[in-house]
């Protein structure tokens, strides 16, 4: 990872944050990675698709969200024109509790 940080001319913590999904992949990294690793056409296209997908994702940490905030997040992400039902909110709460119990994060 240190070598990658050097040839990308960024800090090691920044590379780590990108690898862990805490930071988005900078646009100029695509060509640098293709050139550095001499990626073939198919692998380059796969990398490009992956970068585009990662850059278009919206990550929400709902661990401390109230019911209204969770409903707004659900409405936005699902594209549905309704708020989640009380049963759906309970399911969301169970998922959040499970992840918190396991030490995970939802972002």
C-alpha atoms as a PDB file:
ATOM      1  CA  UNK A   1       0.000   0.000   0.000  1.00  0.00           C
ATOM      2  CA  UNK A   2       2.935   2.329   0.657  1.00  0.00           C
ATOM      3  CA  UNK A   3       4.202   1.912  -2.902  1.00  0.00           C
ATOM      4  CA  UNK A   4       0.765   2.705  -4.266  1.00  0.00           C
ATOM      5  CA  UNK A   5       0.573   5.868  -2.161  1.00  0.00           C
ATOM      6  CA  UNK A   6       3.954   6.962  -3.529  1.00  0.00           C
ATOM      7  CA  UNK A   7       3.165   6.500  -7.221  1.00  0.00           C
ATOM      8  CA  UNK A   8      -0.312   8.009  -6.797  1.00  0.00           C
ATOM      9  CA  UNK A   9       1.332  10.889  -4.888  1.00  0.00           C
ATOM     10  CA  UNK A  10      -1.084  10.705  -1.961  1.00  0.00           C
ATOM     11  CA  UNK A  11      -0.764   9.827   1.702  1.00  0.00           C
ATOM     12  CA  UNK A  12      -0.930   6.267   2.973  1.00  0.00           C
ATOM     13  CA  UNK A  13      -3.981   7.077   5.163  1.00  0.00           C
ATOM     14  CA  UNK A  14      -5.797   8.378   2.055  1.00  0.00           C
ATOM     15  CA  UNK A  15      -5.122   5.149   0.125  1.00  0.00           C
ATOM     16  CA  UNK A  16      -6.335   3.193   3.155  1.00  0.00           C
ATOM     17  CA  UNK A  17      -9.518   5.301   3.341  1.00  0.00           C
ATOM     18  CA  UNK A  18     -10.217   4.618  -0.349  1.00  0.00           C
ATOM     19  CA  UNK A  19      -9.614   0.887   0.102  1.00  0.00           C
ATOM     20  CA  UNK A  20     -11.969   0.806   3.093  1.00  0.00           C
ATOM     21  CA  UNK A  21     -14.707   2.739   1.305  1.00  0.00           C
ATOM     22  CA  UNK A  22     -14.407   5.825   3.495  1.00  0.00           C
ATOM     23  CA  UNK A  23     -13.242   7.995   0.579  1.00  0.00           C
ATOM     24  CA  UNK A  24     -14.265   7.875  -3.049  1.00  0.00           C
ATOM     25  CA  UNK A  25     -11.738   6.965  -5.712  1.00  0.00           C
ATOM     26  CA  UNK A  26     -10.384  10.154  -7.324  1.00  0.00           C
ATOM     27  CA  UNK A  27     -11.160  10.448 -11.046  1.00  0.00           C
ATOM     28  CA  UNK A  28      -7.498  10.662 -12.049  1.00  0.00           C
ATOM     29  CA  UNK A  29      -6.643   7.314 -10.449  1.00  0.00           C
ATOM     30  CA  UNK A  30      -8.253   5.250 -13.206  1.00  0.00           C
ATOM     31  CA  UNK A  31      -5.648   5.968 -15.875  1.00  0.00           C
ATOM     32  CA  UNK A  32      -2.795   5.879 -13.375  1.00  0.00           C
ATOM     33  CA  UNK A  33      -3.825   2.387 -12.232  1.00  0.00           C
ATOM     34  CA  UNK A  34      -4.334   1.144 -15.813  1.00  0.00           C
ATOM     35  CA  UNK A  35      -0.907   2.429 -16.828  1.00  0.00           C
ATOM     36  CA  UNK A  36       0.935   1.300 -13.706  1.00  0.00           C
ATOM     37  CA  UNK A  37      -0.418  -2.259 -13.762  1.00  0.00           C
ATOM     38  CA  UNK A  38      -0.551  -2.543 -17.588  1.00  0.00           C
ATOM     39  CA  UNK A  39      -4.186  -3.650 -17.439  1.00  0.00           C
ATOM     40  CA  UNK A  40      -5.693  -5.260 -20.525  1.00  0.00           C
ATOM     41  CA  UNK A  41      -8.810  -3.842 -22.177  1.00  0.00           C
ATOM     42  CA  UNK A  42     -11.287  -6.114 -20.388  1.00  0.00           C
ATOM     43  CA  UNK A  43      -9.775  -5.504 -16.950  1.00  0.00           C
ATOM     44  CA  UNK A  44      -9.619  -1.760 -17.643  1.00  0.00           C
ATOM     45  CA  UNK A  45     -13.328  -1.716 -18.498  1.00  0.00           C
ATOM     46  CA  UNK A  46     -14.156  -3.677 -15.344  1.00  0.00           C
ATOM     47  CA  UNK A  47     -12.117  -1.245 -13.259  1.00  0.00           C
ATOM     48  CA  UNK A  48     -13.879   1.711 -14.900  1.00  0.00           C
ATOM     49  CA  UNK A  49     -17.324   0.214 -14.175  1.00  0.00           C
ATOM     50  CA  UNK A  50     -16.355  -0.471 -10.571  1.00  0.00           C
ATOM     51  CA  UNK A  51     -15.069   3.074 -10.067  1.00  0.00           C
ATOM     52  CA  UNK A  52     -18.208   4.572 -11.614  1.00  0.00           C
ATOM     53  CA  UNK A  53     -20.429   2.387  -9.446  1.00  0.00           C
ATOM     54  CA  UNK A  54     -18.509   3.300  -6.289  1.00  0.00           C
ATOM     55  CA  UNK A  55     -18.619   7.010  -7.124  1.00  0.00           C
ATOM     56  CA  UNK A  56     -22.381   6.946  -7.645  1.00  0.00           C
ATOM     57  CA  UNK A  57     -23.164   5.269  -4.313  1.00  0.00           C
ATOM     58  CA  UNK A  58     -24.747   7.190  -1.493  1.00  0.00           C
ATOM     59  CA  UNK A  59     -23.698   5.865   1.890  1.00  0.00           C
ATOM     60  CA  UNK A  60     -25.835   6.542   4.915  1.00  0.00           C
ATOM     61  CA  UNK A  61     -25.012   5.772   8.516  1.00  0.00           C
ATOM     62  CA  UNK A  62     -28.422   5.199  10.087  1.00  0.00           C
ATOM     63  CA  UNK A  63     -27.151   3.897  13.393  1.00  0.00           C
ATOM     64  CA  UNK A  64     -28.442   6.906  15.332  1.00  0.00           C
ATOM     65  CA  UNK A  65     -31.270   7.891  12.998  1.00  0.00           C
ATOM     66  CA  UNK A  66     -34.775   8.395  14.330  1.00  0.00           C
ATOM     67  CA  UNK A  67     -37.836   6.899  12.603  1.00  0.00           C
ATOM     68  CA  UNK A  68     -38.406   9.990  10.459  1.00  0.00           C
ATOM     69  CA  UNK A  69     -34.785  10.063   9.285  1.00  0.00           C
ATOM     70  CA  UNK A  70     -34.858   6.342   8.492  1.00  0.00           C
ATOM     71  CA  UNK A  71     -38.083   6.803   6.586  1.00  0.00           C
ATOM     72  CA  UNK A  72     -36.570   9.630   4.577  1.00  0.00           C
ATOM     73  CA  UNK A  73     -33.480   7.518   3.820  1.00  0.00           C
ATOM     74  CA  UNK A  74     -35.612   4.535   2.807  1.00  0.00           C
ATOM     75  CA  UNK A  75     -37.760   6.719   0.585  1.00  0.00           C
ATOM     76  CA  UNK A  76     -34.696   8.199  -1.135  1.00  0.00           C
ATOM     77  CA  UNK A  77     -32.798   4.937  -1.648  1.00  0.00           C
ATOM     78  CA  UNK A  78     -35.726   2.776  -2.710  1.00  0.00           C
ATOM     79  CA  UNK A  79     -37.279   5.343  -5.014  1.00  0.00           C
ATOM     80  CA  UNK A  80     -40.614   4.454  -3.492  1.00  0.00           C
ATOM     81  CA  UNK A  81     -43.235   7.133  -3.010  1.00  0.00           C
ATOM     82  CA  UNK A  82     -44.161   6.043   0.492  1.00  0.00           C
ATOM     83  CA  UNK A  83     -42.651   5.936   3.930  1.00  0.00           C
ATOM     84  CA  UNK A  84     -41.733   2.552   5.392  1.00  0.00           C
ATOM     85  CA  UNK A  85     -44.411   0.831   7.419  1.00  0.00           C
ATOM     86  CA  UNK A  86     -43.968   0.389  11.174  1.00  0.00           C
ATOM     87  CA  UNK A  87     -43.020  -3.233  10.418  1.00  0.00           C
ATOM     88  CA  UNK A  88     -40.350  -2.120   7.961  1.00  0.00           C
ATOM     89  CA  UNK A  89     -39.040   0.366  10.543  1.00  0.00           C
ATOM     90  CA  UNK A  90     -38.807  -2.481  13.074  1.00  0.00           C
ATOM     91  CA  UNK A  91     -36.846  -4.537  10.560  1.00  0.00           C
ATOM     92  CA  UNK A  92     -34.498  -1.608   9.950  1.00  0.00           C
ATOM     93  CA  UNK A  93     -34.005  -1.284  13.726  1.00  0.00           C
ATOM     94  CA  UNK A  94     -33.211  -5.012  13.995  1.00  0.00           C
ATOM     95  CA  UNK A  95     -30.628  -4.772  11.217  1.00  0.00           C
ATOM     96  CA  UNK A  96     -29.011  -1.746  12.874  1.00  0.00           C
ATOM     97  CA  UNK A  97     -28.961  -3.485  16.255  1.00  0.00           C
ATOM     98  CA  UNK A  98     -27.407  -6.602  14.725  1.00  0.00           C
ATOM     99  CA  UNK A  99     -24.657  -4.596  13.039  1.00  0.00           C
ATOM    100  CA  UNK A 100     -23.971  -2.571  16.187  1.00  0.00           C
ATOM    101  CA  UNK A 101     -23.788  -5.801  18.185  1.00  0.00           C
ATOM    102  CA  UNK A 102     -21.235  -7.184  15.720  1.00  0.00           C
ATOM    103  CA  UNK A 103     -19.200  -3.970  15.846  1.00  0.00           C
ATOM    104  CA  UNK A 104     -19.995  -3.131  12.246  1.00  0.00           C
ATOM    105  CA  UNK A 105     -20.998   0.074  10.543  1.00  0.00           C
ATOM    106  CA  UNK A 106     -23.600   0.707   7.893  1.00  0.00           C
ATOM    107  CA  UNK A 107     -21.455   3.057   5.853  1.00  0.00           C
END
